[in-house]
Amino acid sequence: MSYLQPTRKATYIAGSKYRRKAYGSNHPLAIPRVSLATELIDAYGALTADEFLQARKAADFELEWFHTPEYVSAFKRAEALGRVSNPVRQRHQLGTLENPYFEQFFTIPATATGASIQAAEEVIRGRIAFNPAGGMHHARPDQAHGFCYFNDPVLGILRLRREGWRVLYVDIDAHHGDGVEAAFADDSEVFTLSLHMDSRYAYPFKGGQLSDTARAGNTSLNVPLPKDTNDAEYRMLFDAVWQPVLDRFRPDAIVLQAGTDMIFADPLGKLGLSTQGFLATAQTILDTSPQHADGTPRLLVTGGGGYHPLVLARAWAGLWALLSGRELPEALPSAGAAALRAVDWDMDEEEAHYEQLFTSRLDVPGNLNVRPEIDDLVLSIQQHPFLQTP
């Protein structure tokens, strides 16, 4: 397929275009993700050498903008030793079933984190930036949490903050962006907005409620989503928060965590959104972001959750098209379809939607009925203290 000309200045940052193993063999993230998305984008002819930036490993001092020196040192030592000692496992939650040891244990997450710092620097110099390997939003300063070893969104935001910019972080992953929220609870120059599965039925099983307010004067807003939230319901909830937050906070830049586990087929998600719903949300964020003088959005995008490799690749290919200003055909190119079929994945092969995954990058429209509880949640959002401030 011929190359599609981009209309925006955008950078795609990745450690490699080739598949490599991480998270062992029996883990939800032991699947091709960034490499598969990149293969599909390449199959469309939608990524040029000028747009691709090789990710670098974050330096220790950069990791220590947020993470403790003890944590970074213990992590590096584990890779050097080829194992995690029991004291380190207990203290830092490294080498557990949730956050397992694997080859290049420190190098791979440190490189994904370096890519988010690079992404921030690309935004500073006037480009949109996408780090699909990023979005590890659960990590704490001295502990791994929820498959996340280093909190790259925090470090990307901190790089933007070093420019004196006010940053709005918006997290559309199916899980609450709790680590990022906690990191900036006392920084009035960062606002965190998270729309996620209600923690009363989903990880992290605490926090993330609309009634939660930040410890330092409303620097966060959470929208807990009922199970099976569909495109129409999500749009109502997103519209209730997005522009009001933009108007009140007035950021200099936006960081979007674009996990795909909010899409209906994801095995760890319990929502009912389509790929189109995911992309429509990203489009609105792109269209309303603060801009450089030449009109380029000041937008840093990371990946995030996403445990269905075929769904993820289709969604991130569409996301990259939006960010770079391309129009992709809905039909998958033959090389892209072949790349998807080559993945060892059969969890939903009996479902009605399965064959659509290999023919189109979009989904068959689903239920668009709006439940009364969504109307009630919209009303509660409108009464949130931050949105009531003049």
Protein backbone atom coordinates (compact mmCIF):
# COMPACT_ATOMS: atom_id res chain seq x y z
CA MET A 1 0.00 0.00 0.00
CA SER A 2 1.35 3.45 -0.84
CA TYR A 3 2.62 5.80 1.83
CA LEU A 4 -0.01 8.08 3.34
CA GLN A 5 1.20 11.66 3.77
CA PRO A 6 1.02 12.97 7.37
CA THR A 7 -0.38 16.45 8.03
CA ARG A 8 0.92 16.92 11.59
CA LYS A 9 4.37 16.93 13.15
CA ALA A 10 4.35 13.75 15.22
CA THR A 11 6.95 11.35 16.59
CA TYR A 12 6.50 7.62 17.26
CA ILE A 13 8.93 6.41 19.92
CA ALA A 14 9.73 2.74 20.46
CA GLY A 15 12.58 0.63 21.73
CA SER A 16 12.46 -1.67 18.73
CA LYS A 17 10.29 -2.49 15.75
CA TYR A 18 10.84 -6.17 16.47
CA ARG A 19 9.16 -8.52 18.91
CA ARG A 20 10.91 -9.36 22.14
CA LYS A 21 9.72 -11.27 25.16
CA ALA A 22 8.81 -9.62 28.45
CA TYR A 23 6.75 -10.63 31.46
CA GLY A 24 7.67 -14.30 31.05
CA SER A 25 5.20 -16.69 29.44
CA ASN A 26 2.18 -16.85 31.77
CA HIS A 27 1.20 -13.22 32.24
CA PRO A 28 -1.47 -10.96 30.69
CA LEU A 29 1.30 -8.81 29.17
CA ALA A 30 3.23 -11.74 27.67
CA ILE A 31 1.72 -10.86 24.29
CA PRO A 32 2.93 -8.80 21.32
CA ARG A 33 1.76 -5.23 21.79
CA VAL A 34 4.01 -2.40 20.57
CA SER A 35 5.65 -4.59 17.92
CA LEU A 36 2.28 -5.76 16.59
CA ALA A 37 0.86 -2.23 16.49
CA THR A 38 3.98 -1.09 14.67
CA GLU A 39 3.67 -3.94 12.16
CA LEU A 40 0.11 -2.92 11.41
CA ILE A 41 1.06 0.74 11.05
CA ASP A 42 3.90 -0.25 8.73
CA ALA A 43 1.50 -2.40 6.71
CA TYR A 44 -0.59 0.71 6.10
CA GLY A 45 2.55 2.60 5.04
CA ALA A 46 1.87 5.11 7.79
CA LEU A 47 5.23 5.48 9.54
CA THR A 48 8.29 7.08 7.98
CA ALA A 49 11.89 6.99 9.13
CA ASP A 50 11.65 10.70 9.98
CA GLU A 51 8.75 10.01 12.36
CA PHE A 52 10.35 7.06 14.16
CA LEU A 53 12.58 7.77 17.17
CA GLN A 54 14.59 5.00 18.82
CA ALA A 55 13.83 4.93 22.53
CA ARG A 56 16.69 5.31 24.99
CA LYS A 57 17.00 3.90 28.47
CA ALA A 58 16.18 6.43 31.18
CA ALA A 59 19.19 7.50 33.20
CA ASP A 60 19.23 6.68 36.90
CA PHE A 61 18.98 10.35 37.83
CA GLU A 62 15.86 10.69 35.67
CA LEU A 63 14.23 7.65 37.25
CA GLU A 64 15.04 9.21 40.64
CA TRP A 65 12.97 12.29 39.85
CA PHE A 66 10.17 10.08 41.18
CA HIS A 67 11.51 6.68 42.23
CA THR A 68 13.73 6.19 45.25
CA PRO A 69 17.46 5.50 44.74
CA GLU A 70 17.02 2.31 46.79
CA TYR A 71 14.34 1.05 44.39
CA VAL A 72 16.34 1.86 41.26
CA SER A 73 19.45 0.23 42.72
CA ALA A 74 17.58 -2.92 43.77
CA PHE A 75 15.99 -3.18 40.33
CA LYS A 76 19.33 -2.88 38.51
CA ARG A 77 20.95 -5.38 40.87
CA ALA A 78 18.22 -7.93 40.17
CA GLU A 79 18.91 -7.79 36.43
CA ALA A 80 22.65 -8.16 37.05
CA LEU A 81 22.10 -11.17 39.32
CA GLY A 82 19.49 -12.76 37.06
CA ARG A 83 16.98 -13.09 39.89
CA VAL A 84 15.10 -11.15 42.57
CA SER A 85 16.06 -11.84 46.17
CA ASN A 86 13.31 -12.43 48.71
CA PRO A 87 14.00 -9.19 50.66
CA VAL A 88 13.71 -7.18 47.44
CA ARG A 89 10.55 -9.07 46.50
CA GLN A 90 8.97 -8.28 49.85
CA ARG A 91 10.12 -4.65 49.99
CA HIS A 92 9.61 -3.57 46.38
CA GLN A 93 7.05 -6.04 44.96
CA LEU A 94 9.50 -7.05 42.24
CA GLY A 95 9.69 -10.64 41.03
CA THR A 96 6.13 -11.46 42.07
CA LEU A 97 3.43 -13.16 40.02
CA GLU A 98 1.97 -9.70 39.31
CA ASN A 99 5.31 -8.10 38.50
CA PRO A 100 7.49 -11.02 37.40
CA TYR A 101 11.18 -11.31 36.66
CA PHE A 102 12.15 -11.71 32.98
CA GLU A 103 15.21 -11.26 30.79
CA GLN A 104 16.35 -7.60 30.62
CA PHE A 105 14.25 -7.04 33.72
CA PHE A 106 15.51 -3.49 34.34
CA THR A 107 16.47 -2.53 30.78
CA ILE A 108 13.06 -3.02 29.13
CA PRO A 109 10.97 -0.92 31.56
CA ALA A 110 13.77 1.67 31.88
CA THR A 111 13.74 2.03 28.08
CA ALA A 112 9.95 2.35 27.96
CA THR A 113 10.31 5.04 30.62
CA GLY A 114 13.08 6.82 28.77
CA ALA A 115 10.73 6.96 25.79
CA SER A 116 8.17 8.95 27.80
CA ILE A 117 10.86 11.43 28.83
CA GLN A 118 11.88 11.68 25.17
CA ALA A 119 8.22 12.15 24.29
CA ALA A 120 8.03 15.10 26.66
CA GLU A 121 11.11 16.58 25.02
CA GLU A 122 9.55 16.11 21.58
CA VAL A 123 6.45 17.99 22.76
CA ILE A 124 8.63 20.76 24.16
CA ARG A 125 10.35 21.17 20.79
CA GLY A 126 7.05 21.42 18.94
CA ARG A 127 5.82 17.94 18.02
CA ILE A 128 3.08 15.55 19.14
CA ALA A 129 4.68 12.43 20.62
CA PHE A 130 3.42 8.86 21.06
CA ASN A 131 5.18 6.28 23.25
CA PRO A 132 3.07 3.12 22.90
CA ALA A 133 5.24 1.22 25.43
CA GLY A 134 4.45 3.75 28.14
CA GLY A 135 1.45 4.35 30.36
CA MET A 136 2.59 2.33 33.39
CA HIS A 137 0.39 4.34 35.72
CA HIS A 138 0.25 2.16 38.84
CA ALA A 139 3.93 2.18 39.88
CA ARG A 140 4.86 3.85 43.18
CA PRO A 141 8.15 5.55 44.15
CA ASP A 142 9.54 2.40 45.76
CA GLN A 143 7.27 -0.41 44.58
CA ALA A 144 6.01 -2.06 41.41
CA HIS A 145 2.22 -2.33 41.20
CA GLY A 146 -0.27 -3.67 38.69
CA PHE A 147 2.28 -4.84 36.06
CA CYS A 148 3.99 -1.42 36.27
CA TYR A 149 7.66 -1.13 37.27
CA PHE A 150 8.47 2.54 36.59
CA ASN A 151 5.80 5.22 36.39
CA ASP A 152 6.70 6.72 33.03
CA PRO A 153 3.66 9.06 32.85
CA VAL A 154 4.83 10.70 36.08
CA LEU A 155 8.35 11.12 34.69
CA GLY A 156 7.07 12.50 31.40
CA ILE A 157 4.94 15.00 33.29
CA LEU A 158 7.89 15.96 35.48
CA ARG A 159 9.95 16.69 32.37
CA LEU A 160 7.20 19.03 31.16
CA ARG A 161 6.99 20.60 34.61
CA ARG A 162 10.71 21.43 34.38
CA GLU A 163 9.67 23.81 31.59
CA GLY A 164 7.26 25.48 33.99
CA TRP A 165 4.22 24.08 32.17
CA ARG A 166 0.89 23.27 33.79
CA VAL A 167 -0.03 19.74 32.81
CA LEU A 168 -3.40 18.03 32.48
CA TYR A 169 -3.11 14.25 32.68
CA VAL A 170 -6.09 12.36 31.25
CA ASP A 171 -6.24 8.59 31.69
CA ILE A 172 -8.72 6.55 29.61
CA ASP A 173 -7.28 3.15 30.56
CA ALA A 174 -9.90 0.81 31.99
CA HIS A 175 -8.09 0.96 35.35
CA HIS A 176 -7.74 3.93 37.68
CA GLY A 177 -4.53 5.91 37.16
CA ASP A 178 -3.86 5.78 40.88
CA GLY A 179 -0.08 6.06 40.84
CA VAL A 180 -0.12 9.26 38.79
CA GLU A 181 -2.90 10.76 40.91
CA ALA A 182 -0.96 10.03 44.11
CA ALA A 183 2.27 11.44 42.67
CA PHE A 184 0.76 14.87 42.01
CA ALA A 185 -1.75 15.15 44.84
CA ASP A 186 0.22 18.06 46.28
CA ASP A 187 1.11 19.81 43.00
CA SER A 188 -1.48 22.40 42.01
CA GLU A 189 0.17 22.70 38.58
CA VAL A 190 -0.83 19.15 37.58
CA PHE A 191 -4.44 17.97 37.28
CA THR A 192 -5.25 14.27 36.89
CA LEU A 193 -8.48 13.13 35.24
CA SER A 194 -9.22 9.40 35.13
CA LEU A 195 -12.20 7.60 33.60
CA HIS A 196 -12.03 3.95 34.61
CA MET A 197 -13.85 0.84 35.76
CA ASP A 198 -15.28 1.42 39.22
CA SER A 199 -12.72 0.17 41.74
CA ARG A 200 -15.52 -1.49 43.67
CA TYR A 201 -15.42 -4.24 41.03
CA ALA A 202 -12.02 -3.76 39.37
CA TYR A 203 -8.33 -3.30 40.12
CA PRO A 204 -6.96 -1.55 42.17
CA PHE A 205 -10.05 -2.27 44.30
CA LYS A 206 -9.77 0.96 46.26
CA GLY A 207 -9.91 4.69 45.57
CA GLY A 208 -10.87 6.20 42.25
CA GLN A 209 -14.32 7.35 43.30
CA LEU A 210 -15.95 10.59 42.18
CA SER A 211 -16.29 11.57 45.82
CA ASP A 212 -12.52 11.37 46.34
CA THR A 213 -10.90 14.79 46.41
CA ALA A 214 -7.17 15.49 46.27
CA ARG A 215 -5.32 16.35 49.42
CA ALA A 216 -4.18 19.68 48.05
CA GLY A 217 -7.24 21.45 46.73
CA ASN A 218 -8.96 19.50 44.00
CA THR A 219 -6.09 18.47 41.74
CA SER A 220 -7.88 15.35 40.53
CA LEU A 221 -11.23 14.12 39.29
CA ASN A 222 -12.27 10.48 38.95
CA VAL A 223 -15.12 9.05 36.91
CA PRO A 224 -15.86 5.44 38.00
CA LEU A 225 -17.61 3.65 35.15
CA PRO A 226 -20.34 1.03 35.60
CA LYS A 227 -19.81 -2.37 33.99
CA ASP A 228 -20.63 -2.52 30.27
CA THR A 229 -20.43 1.25 29.74
CA ASN A 230 -21.03 1.71 26.00
CA ASP A 231 -19.96 4.37 23.50
CA ALA A 232 -22.98 6.63 24.04
CA GLU A 233 -22.75 6.42 27.82
CA TYR A 234 -19.01 7.03 27.83
CA ARG A 235 -19.43 10.03 25.57
CA MET A 236 -21.98 11.58 27.93
CA LEU A 237 -19.62 11.13 30.87
CA PHE A 238 -16.55 12.34 29.00
CA ASP A 239 -18.36 15.43 27.72
CA ALA A 240 -19.50 16.20 31.28
CA VAL A 241 -15.89 16.50 32.47
CA TRP A 242 -13.58 17.29 29.58
CA GLN A 243 -14.32 20.85 28.51
CA PRO A 244 -15.18 22.03 32.05
CA VAL A 245 -11.82 20.73 33.31
CA LEU A 246 -9.99 22.34 30.38
CA ASP A 247 -11.73 25.66 30.99
CA ARG A 248 -10.98 25.71 34.71
CA PHE A 249 -7.47 24.28 34.77
CA ARG A 250 -6.12 25.89 31.55
CA PRO A 251 -3.14 23.57 30.98
CA ASP A 252 -0.05 24.33 28.92
CA ALA A 253 0.16 20.69 27.77
CA ILE A 254 -1.81 17.45 27.96
CA VAL A 255 -0.58 13.94 28.68
CA LEU A 256 -2.99 11.22 27.50
CA GLN A 257 -2.69 7.66 28.78
CA ALA A 258 -4.42 5.66 26.03
CA GLY A 259 -4.85 2.14 27.33
CA THR A 260 -7.05 0.00 25.10
CA ASP A 261 -8.51 -2.25 27.80
CA MET A 262 -11.63 -0.07 27.78
CA ILE A 263 -12.59 -1.71 24.45
CA PHE A 264 -15.25 -4.41 24.79
CA ALA A 265 -13.22 -7.49 23.76
CA ASP A 266 -10.38 -6.97 26.23
CA PRO A 267 -10.09 -9.98 28.57
CA LEU A 268 -9.29 -7.84 31.64
CA GLY A 269 -11.78 -5.08 30.88
CA LYS A 270 -15.45 -5.07 31.77
CA LEU A 271 -16.59 -2.14 29.64
CA GLY A 272 -18.48 -2.11 26.35
CA LEU A 273 -16.75 0.51 24.21
CA SER A 274 -15.82 0.06 20.58
CA THR A 275 -12.59 1.00 18.85
CA GLN A 276 -14.55 3.88 17.33
CA GLY A 277 -15.45 5.10 20.83
CA PHE A 278 -11.80 4.93 21.87
CA LEU A 279 -10.70 6.90 18.80
CA ALA A 280 -13.48 9.48 19.13
CA THR A 281 -12.29 10.27 22.65
CA ALA A 282 -8.69 10.63 21.46
CA GLN A 283 -9.85 12.85 18.59
CA THR A 284 -11.59 15.24 20.97
CA ILE A 285 -8.52 15.44 23.20
CA LEU A 286 -6.33 16.09 20.17
CA ASP A 287 -8.65 18.77 18.79
CA THR A 288 -8.89 20.67 22.08
CA SER A 289 -5.29 20.44 23.30
CA PRO A 290 -3.26 23.60 23.92
CA GLN A 291 -1.14 24.46 20.90
CA HIS A 292 2.28 25.71 19.93
CA ALA A 293 2.42 28.91 17.91
CA ASP A 294 2.24 26.95 14.65
CA GLY A 295 -0.93 25.14 15.74
CA THR A 296 0.70 21.81 16.68
CA PRO A 297 -1.05 20.37 19.76
CA ARG A 298 1.03 20.16 22.92
CA LEU A 299 0.09 16.54 23.41
CA LEU A 300 2.09 13.62 24.79
CA VAL A 301 0.42 10.23 24.36
CA THR A 302 1.42 6.98 26.03
CA GLY A 303 0.09 3.49 25.70
CA GLY A 304 -1.18 1.69 28.77
CA GLY A 305 -3.27 -1.36 29.51
CA GLY A 306 -4.50 -3.59 26.73
CA TYR A 307 -4.53 -7.37 26.98
CA HIS A 308 -6.07 -8.36 23.65
CA PRO A 309 -3.22 -7.96 21.14
CA LEU A 310 -5.43 -7.79 18.05
CA VAL A 311 -7.74 -5.15 19.51
CA LEU A 312 -4.79 -3.16 20.79
CA ALA A 313 -2.92 -3.14 17.46
CA ARG A 314 -6.00 -1.94 15.57
CA ALA A 315 -6.72 0.77 18.14
CA TRP A 316 -3.17 2.10 18.33
CA ALA A 317 -2.80 2.08 14.56
CA GLY A 318 -5.89 4.27 14.40
CA LEU A 319 -4.57 6.44 17.22
CA TRP A 320 -1.25 7.01 15.44
CA ALA A 321 -3.19 7.96 12.30
CA LEU A 322 -5.08 10.64 14.26
CA LEU A 323 -1.93 11.99 15.88
CA SER A 324 0.01 12.17 12.62
CA GLY A 325 -2.94 13.47 10.60
CA ARG A 326 -3.48 10.50 8.32
CA GLU A 327 -6.65 8.94 6.95
CA LEU A 328 -6.40 5.15 7.12
CA PRO A 329 -8.76 2.88 5.19
CA GLU A 330 -11.05 0.87 7.45
CA ALA A 331 -10.07 -2.34 5.66
CA LEU A 332 -6.89 -3.91 6.97
CA PRO A 333 -4.09 -4.27 4.43
CA SER A 334 -3.23 -7.87 3.64
CA ALA A 335 0.17 -7.68 5.34
CA GLY A 336 -1.47 -6.27 8.47
CA ALA A 337 -4.13 -8.97 8.54
CA ALA A 338 -1.41 -11.59 8.14
CA ALA A 339 0.52 -10.12 11.07
CA LEU A 340 -2.59 -10.31 13.25
CA ARG A 341 -3.37 -13.89 12.20
CA ALA A 342 0.20 -14.92 13.02
CA VAL A 343 -0.38 -14.11 16.70
CA ASP A 344 -1.02 -17.09 18.94
CA TRP A 345 -4.38 -15.88 20.27
CA ASP A 346 -7.61 -17.82 20.54
CA MET A 347 -9.35 -16.51 23.66
CA ASP A 348 -12.37 -15.21 21.76
CA GLU A 349 -12.23 -17.14 18.50
CA GLU A 350 -15.78 -18.42 19.03
CA GLU A 351 -17.21 -14.90 19.44
CA ALA A 352 -19.17 -13.16 16.69
CA HIS A 353 -16.70 -10.27 16.53
CA TYR A 354 -13.59 -12.41 15.99
CA GLU A 355 -13.32 -12.46 12.19
CA GLN A 356 -13.93 -8.70 12.07
CA LEU A 357 -10.60 -8.32 13.86
CA PHE A 358 -8.78 -9.48 10.71
CA THR A 359 -10.73 -7.52 8.11
CA SER A 360 -11.35 -4.06 9.59
CA ARG A 361 -9.63 -1.78 12.08
CA LEU A 362 -13.08 -0.76 13.37
CA ASP A 363 -15.87 -2.69 15.10
CA VAL A 364 -19.49 -3.48 14.39
CA PRO A 365 -21.52 -0.86 16.33
CA GLY A 366 -22.89 -2.16 19.60
CA ASN A 367 -25.65 -1.19 22.02
CA LEU A 368 -26.07 2.59 22.40
CA ASN A 369 -28.85 2.68 24.98
CA VAL A 370 -28.18 4.98 27.95
CA ARG A 371 -29.03 3.60 31.39
CA PRO A 372 -30.55 5.79 34.14
CA GLU A 373 -27.45 5.31 36.33
CA ILE A 374 -25.41 7.15 33.69
CA ASP A 375 -27.72 10.16 33.91
CA ASP A 376 -27.31 10.09 37.68
CA LEU A 377 -23.52 9.95 37.36
CA VAL A 378 -23.50 12.91 34.96
CA LEU A 379 -25.47 14.94 37.51
CA SER A 380 -23.02 13.98 40.25
CA ILE A 381 -20.09 15.01 38.04
CA GLN A 382 -21.64 18.41 37.44
CA GLN A 383 -21.79 18.88 41.22
CA HIS A 384 -18.12 17.96 41.78
CA PRO A 385 -16.35 20.64 43.88
CA PHE A 386 -13.72 21.38 41.24
CA LEU A 387 -16.36 22.03 38.59
CA GLN A 388 -18.25 24.31 40.97
CA THR A 389 -15.32 26.67 41.46
CA PRO A 390 -15.52 29.99 39.60
